[in-house]
Amino acid sequence: MRLREREKRDVLLRAFTGLDDDVYTFGEGVPARASVYPLTSGMDARVTGEQETLRLRMLYDGGEPLQVGMGVTLADGLYRIVSLNRWAHQEAVLERMSEGRYSLADST
């Protein structure tokens, strides 16, 4: 399956660099394009008590390899990759990071 360019949007991929006092740190952002959708498999969210709005599905076919734990910056905030499947493209489940739980290498 090929991803349609018109469905992609700009994201920044960030390498996970460490965890200090329950604060995640991420490296500088690498620009990329990916398709991002709401996660619609609501059963897991209802069972674990999570809100579905905090999780997204990202489909990515670029050259940068994704890893669990990486950060992804979208227009509405920072997300962390919590699971990953590799097919013809890479499918990642993203979980929104709350303010104060992360620091970024390129932020001032």
PDB file of N, CA and C in Angstrom:
ATOM      1  N   MET A   1       0.840  -1.174   0.000  1.00  0.00           N
ATOM      2  CA  MET A   1       0.000   0.000   0.000  1.00  0.00           C
ATOM      3  C   MET A   1       0.885   1.238   0.000  1.00  0.00           C
ATOM      4  N   ARG A   2       0.570   2.152  -0.856  1.00  0.00           N
ATOM      5  CA  ARG A   2       1.321   3.397  -0.947  1.00  0.00           C
ATOM      6  C   ARG A   2       0.555   4.516  -0.265  1.00  0.00           C
ATOM      7  N   LEU A   3       1.249   5.349   0.466  1.00  0.00           N
ATOM      8  CA  LEU A   3       0.597   6.466   1.140  1.00  0.00           C
ATOM      9  C   LEU A   3       0.429   7.621   0.160  1.00  0.00           C
ATOM     10  N   ARG A   4      -0.714   8.280   0.215  1.00  0.00           N
ATOM     11  CA  ARG A   4      -0.979   9.410  -0.677  1.00  0.00           C
ATOM     12  C   ARG A   4      -0.331  10.669  -0.125  1.00  0.00           C
ATOM     13  N   GLU A   5       0.346  11.377  -0.990  1.00  0.00           N
ATOM     14  CA  GLU A   5       1.044  12.604  -0.582  1.00  0.00           C
ATOM     15  C   GLU A   5       0.073  13.656  -0.059  1.00  0.00           C
ATOM     16  N   ARG A   6      -1.107  13.729  -0.626  1.00  0.00           N
ATOM     17  CA  ARG A   6      -2.073  14.751  -0.194  1.00  0.00           C
ATOM     18  C   ARG A   6      -2.584  14.498   1.225  1.00  0.00           C
ATOM     19  N   GLU A   7      -2.445  13.280   1.739  1.00  0.00           N
ATOM     20  CA  GLU A   7      -2.888  12.959   3.094  1.00  0.00           C
ATOM     21  C   GLU A   7      -1.790  13.147   4.139  1.00  0.00           C
ATOM     22  N   LYS A   8      -0.594  13.451   3.674  1.00  0.00           N
ATOM     23  CA  LYS A   8       0.524  13.604   4.603  1.00  0.00           C
ATOM     24  C   LYS A   8       0.594  15.036   5.133  1.00  0.00           C
ATOM     25  N   ARG A   9       1.183  15.172   6.313  1.00  0.00           N
ATOM     26  CA  ARG A   9       1.439  16.498   6.862  1.00  0.00           C
ATOM     27  C   ARG A   9       2.832  16.533   7.464  1.00  0.00           C
ATOM     28  N   ASP A  10       3.310  17.737   7.716  1.00  0.00           N
ATOM     29  CA  ASP A  10       4.659  17.903   8.249  1.00  0.00           C
ATOM     30  C   ASP A  10       4.709  17.511   9.719  1.00  0.00           C
ATOM     31  N   VAL A  11       5.739  16.749  10.074  1.00  0.00           N
ATOM     32  CA  VAL A  11       5.994  16.363  11.456  1.00  0.00           C
ATOM     33  C   VAL A  11       7.493  16.529  11.710  1.00  0.00           C
ATOM     34  N   LEU A  12       7.878  16.547  12.966  1.00  0.00           N
ATOM     35  CA  LEU A  12       9.286  16.516  13.350  1.00  0.00           C
ATOM     36  C   LEU A  12       9.526  15.236  14.133  1.00  0.00           C
ATOM     37  N   LEU A  13      10.469  14.419  13.669  1.00  0.00           N
ATOM     38  CA  LEU A  13      10.835  13.189  14.374  1.00  0.00           C
ATOM     39  C   LEU A  13      11.979  13.508  15.319  1.00  0.00           C
ATOM     40  N   ARG A  14      11.868  13.077  16.567  1.00  0.00           N
ATOM     41  CA  ARG A  14      12.877  13.387  17.584  1.00  0.00           C
ATOM     42  C   ARG A  14      13.366  12.109  18.246  1.00  0.00           C
ATOM     43  N   ALA A  15      14.678  11.933  18.311  1.00  0.00           N
ATOM     44  CA  ALA A  15      15.259  10.772  18.972  1.00  0.00           C
ATOM     45  C   ALA A  15      15.096  10.912  20.482  1.00  0.00           C
ATOM     46  N   PHE A  16      14.774   9.819  21.154  1.00  0.00           N
ATOM     47  CA  PHE A  16      14.695   9.798  22.613  1.00  0.00           C
ATOM     48  C   PHE A  16      16.122   9.785  23.147  1.00  0.00           C
ATOM     49  N   THR A  17      16.463  10.745  24.013  1.00  0.00           N
ATOM     50  CA  THR A  17      17.836  10.840  24.504  1.00  0.00           C
ATOM     51  C   THR A  17      17.993  10.480  25.974  1.00  0.00           C
ATOM     52  N   GLY A  18      16.905  10.400  26.724  1.00  0.00           N
ATOM     53  CA  GLY A  18      17.042   9.996  28.118  1.00  0.00           C
ATOM     54  C   GLY A  18      15.827  10.308  28.968  1.00  0.00           C
ATOM     55  N   LEU A  19      15.873   9.807  30.208  1.00  0.00           N
ATOM     56  CA  LEU A  19      14.804  10.016  31.174  1.00  0.00           C
ATOM     57  C   LEU A  19      15.460  10.434  32.479  1.00  0.00           C
ATOM     58  N   ASP A  20      15.107  11.625  32.962  1.00  0.00           N
ATOM     59  CA  ASP A  20      15.697  12.135  34.190  1.00  0.00           C
ATOM     60  C   ASP A  20      14.593  12.681  35.081  1.00  0.00           C
ATOM     61  N   ASP A  21      14.423  12.111  36.261  1.00  0.00           N
ATOM     62  CA  ASP A  21      13.386  12.532  37.203  1.00  0.00           C
ATOM     63  C   ASP A  21      12.009  12.562  36.558  1.00  0.00           C
ATOM     64  N   ASP A  22      11.673  11.506  35.842  1.00  0.00           N
ATOM     65  CA  ASP A  22      10.368  11.356  35.197  1.00  0.00           C
ATOM     66  C   ASP A  22      10.111  12.403  34.108  1.00  0.00           C
ATOM     67  N   VAL A  23      11.176  13.006  33.565  1.00  0.00           N
ATOM     68  CA  VAL A  23      11.064  13.953  32.453  1.00  0.00           C
ATOM     69  C   VAL A  23      11.806  13.352  31.258  1.00  0.00           C
ATOM     70  N   TYR A  24      11.082  13.152  30.161  1.00  0.00           N
ATOM     71  CA  TYR A  24      11.671  12.601  28.941  1.00  0.00           C
ATOM     72  C   TYR A  24      12.414  13.704  28.206  1.00  0.00           C
ATOM     73  N   THR A  25      13.585  13.382  27.655  1.00  0.00           N
ATOM     74  CA  THR A  25      14.313  14.354  26.847  1.00  0.00           C
ATOM     75  C   THR A  25      14.439  13.810  25.427  1.00  0.00           C
ATOM     76  N   PHE A  26      14.287  14.727  24.474  1.00  0.00           N
ATOM     77  CA  PHE A  26      14.324  14.371  23.063  1.00  0.00           C
ATOM     78  C   PHE A  26      15.307  15.266  22.341  1.00  0.00           C
ATOM     79  N   GLY A  27      15.940  14.735  21.300  1.00  0.00           N
ATOM     80  CA  GLY A  27      16.903  15.476  20.495  1.00  0.00           C
ATOM     81  C   GLY A  27      16.229  16.451  19.554  1.00  0.00           C
ATOM     82  N   GLU A  28      17.038  17.044  18.689  1.00  0.00           N
ATOM     83  CA  GLU A  28      16.527  18.006  17.712  1.00  0.00           C
ATOM     84  C   GLU A  28      15.601  17.312  16.722  1.00  0.00           C
ATOM     85  N   GLY A  29      14.642  18.070  16.217  1.00  0.00           N
ATOM     86  CA  GLY A  29      13.660  17.521  15.297  1.00  0.00           C
ATOM     87  C   GLY A  29      14.187  17.378  13.883  1.00  0.00           C
ATOM     88  N   VAL A  30      13.859  16.262  13.261  1.00  0.00           N
ATOM     89  CA  VAL A  30      14.188  16.007  11.858  1.00  0.00           C
ATOM     90  C   VAL A  30      12.882  16.109  11.073  1.00  0.00           C
ATOM     91  N   PRO A  31      12.783  17.049  10.113  1.00  0.00           N
ATOM     92  CA  PRO A  31      11.528  17.212   9.365  1.00  0.00           C
ATOM     93  C   PRO A  31      11.188  15.959   8.554  1.00  0.00           C
ATOM     94  N   ALA A  32       9.897  15.626   8.529  1.00  0.00           N
ATOM     95  CA  ALA A  32       9.419  14.473   7.772  1.00  0.00           C
ATOM     96  C   ALA A  32       7.961  14.725   7.408  1.00  0.00           C
ATOM     97  N   ARG A  33       7.417  13.843   6.563  1.00  0.00           N
ATOM     98  CA  ARG A  33       6.001  13.923   6.194  1.00  0.00           C
ATOM     99  C   ARG A  33       5.374  12.570   6.485  1.00  0.00           C
ATOM    100  N   ALA A  34       4.211  12.595   7.131  1.00  0.00           N
ATOM    101  CA  ALA A  34       3.530  11.355   7.510  1.00  0.00           C
ATOM    102  C   ALA A  34       2.027  11.591   7.533  1.00  0.00           C
ATOM    103  N   SER A  35       1.276  10.507   7.425  1.00  0.00           N
ATOM    104  CA  SER A  35      -0.183  10.562   7.569  1.00  0.00           C
ATOM    105  C   SER A  35      -0.505  10.284   9.027  1.00  0.00           C
ATOM    106  N   VAL A  36      -1.322  11.144   9.626  1.00  0.00           N
ATOM    107  CA  VAL A  36      -1.676  10.999  11.039  1.00  0.00           C
ATOM    108  C   VAL A  36      -3.193  10.988  11.163  1.00  0.00           C
ATOM    109  N   TYR A  37      -3.707   9.975  11.876  1.00  0.00           N
ATOM    110  CA  TYR A  37      -5.147   9.790  12.035  1.00  0.00           C
ATOM    111  C   TYR A  37      -5.472   9.539  13.503  1.00  0.00           C
ATOM    112  N   PRO A  38      -6.718   9.815  13.906  1.00  0.00           N
ATOM    113  CA  PRO A  38      -7.131   9.425  15.254  1.00  0.00           C
ATOM    114  C   PRO A  38      -7.097   7.900  15.388  1.00  0.00           C
ATOM    115  N   LEU A  39      -6.749   7.413  16.540  1.00  0.00           N
ATOM    116  CA  LEU A  39      -6.749   5.976  16.795  1.00  0.00           C
ATOM    117  C   LEU A  39      -8.182   5.562  17.077  1.00  0.00           C
ATOM    118  N   THR A  40      -8.742   4.726  16.230  1.00  0.00           N
ATOM    119  CA  THR A  40     -10.164   4.410  16.339  1.00  0.00           C
ATOM    120  C   THR A  40     -10.454   3.077  16.987  1.00  0.00           C
ATOM    121  N   SER A  41      -9.442   2.331  17.385  1.00  0.00           N
ATOM    122  CA  SER A  41      -9.700   1.059  18.058  1.00  0.00           C
ATOM    123  C   SER A  41      -9.980   1.348  19.532  1.00  0.00           C
ATOM    124  N   GLY A  42     -11.193   1.789  19.813  1.00  0.00           N
ATOM    125  CA  GLY A  42     -11.557   2.274  21.137  1.00  0.00           C
ATOM    126  C   GLY A  42     -11.600   1.227  22.226  1.00  0.00           C
ATOM    127  N   MET A  43     -11.595  -0.042  21.895  1.00  0.00           N
ATOM    128  CA  MET A  43     -11.697  -1.069  22.927  1.00  0.00           C
ATOM    129  C   MET A  43     -10.542  -0.992  23.910  1.00  0.00           C
ATOM    130  N   ASP A  44      -9.299  -0.882  23.430  1.00  0.00           N
ATOM    131  CA  ASP A  44      -8.147  -0.783  24.323  1.00  0.00           C
ATOM    132  C   ASP A  44      -8.259   0.434  25.218  1.00  0.00           C
ATOM    133  N   ALA A  45      -8.698   1.551  24.660  1.00  0.00           N
ATOM    134  CA  ALA A  45      -8.800   2.773  25.443  1.00  0.00           C
ATOM    135  C   ALA A  45      -9.851   2.634  26.541  1.00  0.00           C
ATOM    136  N   ARG A  46     -10.969   1.999  26.240  1.00  0.00           N
ATOM    137  CA  ARG A  46     -12.012   1.836  27.259  1.00  0.00           C
ATOM    138  C   ARG A  46     -11.568   0.875  28.355  1.00  0.00           C
ATOM    139  N   VAL A  47     -10.886  -0.189  27.995  1.00  0.00           N
ATOM    140  CA  VAL A  47     -10.451  -1.175  28.987  1.00  0.00           C
ATOM    141  C   VAL A  47      -9.422  -0.572  29.928  1.00  0.00           C
ATOM    142  N   THR A  48      -8.481   0.199  29.399  1.00  0.00           N
ATOM    143  CA  THR A  48      -7.421   0.759  30.235  1.00  0.00           C
ATOM    144  C   THR A  48      -7.788   2.105  30.837  1.00  0.00           C
ATOM    145  N   GLY A  49      -8.940   2.662  30.468  1.00  0.00           N
ATOM    146  CA  GLY A  49      -9.373   3.928  31.031  1.00  0.00           C
ATOM    147  C   GLY A  49      -8.734   5.144  30.396  1.00  0.00           C
ATOM    148  N   GLU A  50      -8.073   4.989  29.271  1.00  0.00           N
ATOM    149  CA  GLU A  50      -7.414   6.106  28.604  1.00  0.00           C
ATOM    150  C   GLU A  50      -8.394   6.833  27.693  1.00  0.00           C
ATOM    151  N   GLN A  51      -8.107   8.070  27.414  1.00  0.00           N
ATOM    152  CA  GLN A  51      -8.921   8.813  26.466  1.00  0.00           C
ATOM    153  C   GLN A  51      -8.372   8.574  25.063  1.00  0.00           C
ATOM    154  N   GLU A  52      -9.265   8.306  24.125  1.00  0.00           N
ATOM    155  CA  GLU A  52      -8.835   8.051  22.757  1.00  0.00           C
ATOM    156  C   GLU A  52      -8.185   9.276  22.131  1.00  0.00           C
ATOM    157  N   THR A  53      -8.548  10.472  22.567  1.00  0.00           N
ATOM    158  CA  THR A  53      -7.993  11.680  21.968  1.00  0.00           C
ATOM    159  C   THR A  53      -6.513  11.844  22.261  1.00  0.00           C
ATOM    160  N   LEU A  54      -5.991  11.099  23.211  1.00  0.00           N
ATOM    161  CA  LEU A  54      -4.580  11.203  23.545  1.00  0.00           C
ATOM    162  C   LEU A  54      -3.719  10.300  22.671  1.00  0.00           C
ATOM    163  N   ARG A  55      -4.336   9.479  21.838  1.00  0.00           N
ATOM    164  CA  ARG A  55      -3.589   8.553  20.994  1.00  0.00           C
ATOM    165  C   ARG A  55      -3.930   8.762  19.524  1.00  0.00           C
ATOM    166  N   LEU A  56      -2.902   8.653  18.697  1.00  0.00           N
ATOM    167  CA  LEU A  56      -3.057   8.797  17.251  1.00  0.00           C
ATOM    168  C   LEU A  56      -2.348   7.651  16.551  1.00  0.00           C
ATOM    169  N   ARG A  57      -2.701   7.412  15.302  1.00  0.00           N
ATOM    170  CA  ARG A  57      -2.001   6.441  14.451  1.00  0.00           C
ATOM    171  C   ARG A  57      -1.247   7.229  13.393  1.00  0.00           C
ATOM    172  N   MET A  58       0.029   6.914  13.206  1.00  0.00           N
ATOM    173  CA  MET A  58       0.845   7.581  12.199  1.00  0.00           C
ATOM    174  C   MET A  58       1.354   6.546  11.207  1.00  0.00           C
ATOM    175  N   LEU A  59       1.154   6.811   9.923  1.00  0.00           N
ATOM    176  CA  LEU A  59       1.685   5.979   8.851  1.00  0.00           C
ATOM    177  C   LEU A  59       2.823   6.744   8.201  1.00  0.00           C
ATOM    178  N   TYR A  60       3.982   6.103   8.080  1.00  0.00           N
ATOM    179  CA  TYR A  60       5.199   6.786   7.635  1.00  0.00           C
ATOM    180  C   TYR A  60       5.943   5.887   6.660  1.00  0.00           C
ATOM    181  N   ASP A  61       6.334   6.445   5.513  1.00  0.00           N
ATOM    182  CA  ASP A  61       7.076   5.675   4.515  1.00  0.00           C
ATOM    183  C   ASP A  61       8.395   6.347   4.145  1.00  0.00           C
ATOM    184  N   GLY A  62       8.892   7.219   4.990  1.00  0.00           N
ATOM    185  CA  GLY A  62      10.139   7.933   4.727  1.00  0.00           C
ATOM    186  C   GLY A  62      11.366   7.093   5.048  1.00  0.00           C
ATOM    187  N   GLY A  63      12.535   7.684   4.856  1.00  0.00           N
ATOM    188  CA  GLY A  63      13.786   6.969   5.043  1.00  0.00           C
ATOM    189  C   GLY A  63      14.265   6.874   6.480  1.00  0.00           C
ATOM    190  N   GLU A  64      13.838   7.781   7.332  1.00  0.00           N
ATOM    191  CA  GLU A  64      14.256   7.782   8.737  1.00  0.00           C
ATOM    192  C   GLU A  64      13.587   6.617   9.472  1.00  0.00           C
ATOM    193  N   PRO A  65      14.369   5.686  10.052  1.00  0.00           N
ATOM    194  CA  PRO A  65      13.742   4.566  10.764  1.00  0.00           C
ATOM    195  C   PRO A  65      13.112   5.040  12.078  1.00  0.00           C
ATOM    196  N   LEU A  66      11.904   4.572  12.346  1.00  0.00           N
ATOM    197  CA  LEU A  66      11.210   4.906  13.586  1.00  0.00           C
ATOM    198  C   LEU A  66      11.575   3.891  14.664  1.00  0.00           C
ATOM    199  N   GLN A  67      11.520   4.332  15.925  1.00  0.00           N
ATOM    200  CA  GLN A  67      11.776   3.455  17.065  1.00  0.00           C
ATOM    201  C   GLN A  67      10.785   3.771  18.166  1.00  0.00           C
ATOM    202  N   VAL A  68      10.410   2.757  18.924  1.00  0.00           N
ATOM    203  CA  VAL A  68       9.542   2.975  20.077  1.00  0.00           C
ATOM    204  C   VAL A  68      10.262   3.916  21.035  1.00  0.00           C
ATOM    205  N   GLY A  69       9.556   4.918  21.524  1.00  0.00           N
ATOM    206  CA  GLY A  69      10.132   5.900  22.437  1.00  0.00           C
ATOM    207  C   GLY A  69      10.482   7.220  21.776  1.00  0.00           C
ATOM    208  N   MET A  70      10.573   7.241  20.447  1.00  0.00           N
ATOM    209  CA  MET A  70      10.873   8.487  19.739  1.00  0.00           C
ATOM    210  C   MET A  70       9.761   9.499  19.965  1.00  0.00           C
ATOM    211  N   GLY A  71      10.105  10.778  19.854  1.00  0.00           N
ATOM    212  CA  GLY A  71       9.117  11.837  19.930  1.00  0.00           C
ATOM    213  C   GLY A  71       8.704  12.275  18.533  1.00  0.00           C
ATOM    214  N   VAL A  72       7.455  12.699  18.401  1.00  0.00           N
ATOM    215  CA  VAL A  72       6.916  13.212  17.145  1.00  0.00           C
ATOM    216  C   VAL A  72       6.208  14.520  17.463  1.00  0.00           C
ATOM    217  N   THR A  73       6.696  15.610  16.893  1.00  0.00           N
ATOM    218  CA  THR A  73       6.070  16.905  17.119  1.00  0.00           C
ATOM    219  C   THR A  73       5.069  17.182  16.009  1.00  0.00           C
ATOM    220  N   LEU A  74       3.825  17.425  16.413  1.00  0.00           N
ATOM    221  CA  LEU A  74       2.755  17.812  15.514  1.00  0.00           C
ATOM    222  C   LEU A  74       2.359  19.244  15.845  1.00  0.00           C
ATOM    223  N   ALA A  75       1.433  19.798  15.090  1.00  0.00           N
ATOM    224  CA  ALA A  75       1.009  21.178  15.309  1.00  0.00           C
ATOM    225  C   ALA A  75       0.416  21.386  16.698  1.00  0.00           C
ATOM    226  N   ASP A  76      -0.220  20.355  17.269  1.00  0.00           N
ATOM    227  CA  ASP A  76      -0.886  20.513  18.562  1.00  0.00           C
ATOM    228  C   ASP A  76      -0.080  20.012  19.754  1.00  0.00           C
ATOM    229  N   GLY A  77       1.170  19.624  19.552  1.00  0.00           N
ATOM    230  CA  GLY A  77       1.991  19.209  20.687  1.00  0.00           C
ATOM    231  C   GLY A  77       2.940  18.076  20.366  1.00  0.00           C
ATOM    232  N   LEU A  78       3.526  17.522  21.420  1.00  0.00           N
ATOM    233  CA  LEU A  78       4.497  16.440  21.294  1.00  0.00           C
ATOM    234  C   LEU A  78       3.842  15.109  21.638  1.00  0.00           C
ATOM    235  N   TYR A  79       4.139  14.098  20.838  1.00  0.00           N
ATOM    236  CA  TYR A  79       3.652  12.745  21.055  1.00  0.00           C
ATOM    237  C   TYR A  79       4.855  11.817  21.131  1.00  0.00           C
ATOM    238  N   ARG A  80       4.656  10.656  21.765  1.00  0.00           N
ATOM    239  CA  ARG A  80       5.707   9.651  21.888  1.00  0.00           C
ATOM    240  C   ARG A  80       5.225   8.365  21.234  1.00  0.00           C
ATOM    241  N   ILE A  81       6.109   7.701  20.480  1.00  0.00           N
ATOM    242  CA  ILE A  81       5.755   6.436  19.834  1.00  0.00           C
ATOM    243  C   ILE A  81       5.713   5.347  20.903  1.00  0.00           C
ATOM    244  N   VAL A  82       4.544   4.690  21.058  1.00  0.00           N
ATOM    245  CA  VAL A  82       4.400   3.646  22.069  1.00  0.00           C
ATOM    246  C   VAL A  82       4.354   2.244  21.470  1.00  0.00           C
ATOM    247  N   SER A  83       4.044   2.137  20.185  1.00  0.00           N
ATOM    248  CA  SER A  83       4.129   0.840  19.514  1.00  0.00           C
ATOM    249  C   SER A  83       4.398   1.077  18.034  1.00  0.00           C
ATOM    250  N   LEU A  84       4.943   0.046  17.394  1.00  0.00           N
ATOM    251  CA  LEU A  84       5.403   0.201  16.022  1.00  0.00           C
ATOM    252  C   LEU A  84       5.221  -1.106  15.266  1.00  0.00           C
ATOM    253  N   ASN A  85       4.684  -1.021  14.049  1.00  0.00           N
ATOM    254  CA  ASN A  85       4.576  -2.157  13.131  1.00  0.00           C
ATOM    255  C   ASN A  85       5.253  -1.767  11.837  1.00  0.00           C
ATOM    256  N   ARG A  86       6.022  -2.672  11.270  1.00  0.00           N
ATOM    257  CA  ARG A  86       6.689  -2.404  10.008  1.00  0.00           C
ATOM    258  C   ARG A  86       6.088  -3.300   8.921  1.00  0.00           C
ATOM    259  N   TRP A  87       5.544  -2.646   7.897  1.00  0.00           N
ATOM    260  CA  TRP A  87       5.067  -3.333   6.717  1.00  0.00           C
ATOM    261  C   TRP A  87       5.742  -2.672   5.527  1.00  0.00           C
ATOM    262  N   ALA A  88       5.014  -2.437   4.440  1.00  0.00           N
ATOM    263  CA  ALA A  88       5.581  -1.682   3.324  1.00  0.00           C
ATOM    264  C   ALA A  88       5.895  -0.263   3.790  1.00  0.00           C
ATOM    265  N   HIS A  89       5.158   0.191   4.796  1.00  0.00           N
ATOM    266  CA  HIS A  89       5.414   1.461   5.463  1.00  0.00           C
ATOM    267  C   HIS A  89       5.489   1.151   6.964  1.00  0.00           C
ATOM    268  N   GLN A  90       5.732   2.143   7.772  1.00  0.00           N
ATOM    269  CA  GLN A  90       5.782   1.948   9.213  1.00  0.00           C
ATOM    270  C   GLN A  90       4.524   2.540   9.835  1.00  0.00           C
ATOM    271  N   GLU A  91       3.881   1.790  10.724  1.00  0.00           N
ATOM    272  CA  GLU A  91       2.700   2.265  11.430  1.00  0.00           C
ATOM    273  C   GLU A  91       3.065   2.413  12.896  1.00  0.00           C
ATOM    274  N   ALA A  92       2.860   3.604  13.432  1.00  0.00           N
ATOM    275  CA  ALA A  92       3.175   3.866  14.829  1.00  0.00           C
ATOM    276  C   ALA A  92       1.937   4.358  15.558  1.00  0.00           C
ATOM    277  N   VAL A  93       1.793   3.949  16.820  1.00  0.00           N
ATOM    278  CA  VAL A  93       0.760   4.496  17.688  1.00  0.00           C
ATOM    279  C   VAL A  93       1.426   5.557  18.544  1.00  0.00           C
ATOM    280  N   LEU A  94       0.852   6.763  18.522  1.00  0.00           N
ATOM    281  CA  LEU A  94       1.419   7.904  19.233  1.00  0.00           C
ATOM    282  C   LEU A  94       0.581   8.221  20.465  1.00  0.00           C
ATOM    283  N   GLU A  95       1.261   8.556  21.546  1.00  0.00           N
ATOM    284  CA  GLU A  95       0.591   8.949  22.780  1.00  0.00           C
ATOM    285  C   GLU A  95       1.018  10.364  23.126  1.00  0.00           C
ATOM    286  N   ARG A  96       0.052  11.233  23.408  1.00  0.00           N
ATOM    287  CA  ARG A  96       0.348  12.638  23.684  1.00  0.00           C
ATOM    288  C   ARG A  96       1.106  12.783  25.003  1.00  0.00           C
ATOM    289  N   MET A  97       2.147  13.616  24.979  1.00  0.00           N
ATOM    290  CA  MET A  97       2.941  13.914  26.170  1.00  0.00           C
ATOM    291  C   MET A  97       2.380  15.182  26.816  1.00  0.00           C
ATOM    292  N   SER A  98       2.189  15.181  28.112  1.00  0.00           N
ATOM    293  CA  SER A  98       1.675  16.368  28.789  1.00  0.00           C
ATOM    294  C   SER A  98       2.815  17.350  29.062  1.00  0.00           C
ATOM    295  N   GLU A  99       2.461  18.624  29.136  1.00  0.00           N
ATOM    296  CA  GLU A  99       3.448  19.678  29.411  1.00  0.00           C
ATOM    297  C   GLU A  99       4.169  19.377  30.723  1.00  0.00           C
ATOM    298  N   GLY A 100       5.444  19.640  30.757  1.00  0.00           N
ATOM    299  CA  GLY A 100       6.237  19.402  31.949  1.00  0.00           C
ATOM    300  C   GLY A 100       6.812  18.002  32.047  1.00  0.00           C
ATOM    301  N   ARG A 101       6.381  17.091  31.179  1.00  0.00           N
ATOM    302  CA  ARG A 101       6.890  15.716  31.194  1.00  0.00           C
ATOM    303  C   ARG A 101       8.010  15.499  30.187  1.00  0.00           C
ATOM    304  N   TYR A 102       8.390  16.563  29.460  1.00  0.00           N
ATOM    305  CA  TYR A 102       9.428  16.409  28.445  1.00  0.00           C
ATOM    306  C   TYR A 102      10.232  17.684  28.305  1.00  0.00           C
ATOM    307  N   SER A 103      11.438  17.533  27.759  1.00  0.00           N
ATOM    308  CA  SER A 103      12.250  18.679  27.370  1.00  0.00           C
ATOM    309  C   SER A 103      12.827  18.387  25.988  1.00  0.00           C
ATOM    310  N   LEU A 104      13.016  19.450  25.201  1.00  0.00           N
ATOM    311  CA  LEU A 104      13.476  19.320  23.824  1.00  0.00           C
ATOM    312  C   LEU A 104      14.835  19.967  23.671  1.00  0.00           C
ATOM    313  N   ALA A 105      15.703  19.362  22.868  1.00  0.00           N
ATOM    314  CA  ALA A 105      17.059  19.868  22.665  1.00  0.00           C
ATOM    315  C   ALA A 105      17.072  21.246  22.025  1.00  0.00           C
ATOM    316  N   ASP A 106      16.137  21.541  21.115  1.00  0.00           N
ATOM    317  CA  ASP A 106      16.169  22.797  20.393  1.00  0.00           C
ATOM    318  C   ASP A 106      15.239  23.858  20.978  1.00  0.00           C
ATOM    319  N   SER A 107      14.652  23.589  22.162  1.00  0.00           N
ATOM    320  CA  SER A 107      13.811  24.617  22.797  1.00  0.00           C
ATOM    321  C   SER A 107      14.663  25.520  23.672  1.00  0.00           C
ATOM    322  N   THR A 108      14.216  26.741  23.858  1.00  0.00           N
ATOM    323  CA  THR A 108      14.997  27.702  24.639  1.00  0.00           C
ATOM    324  C   THR A 108      14.404  27.899  26.017  1.00  0.00           C
TER     325      THR A 108
END
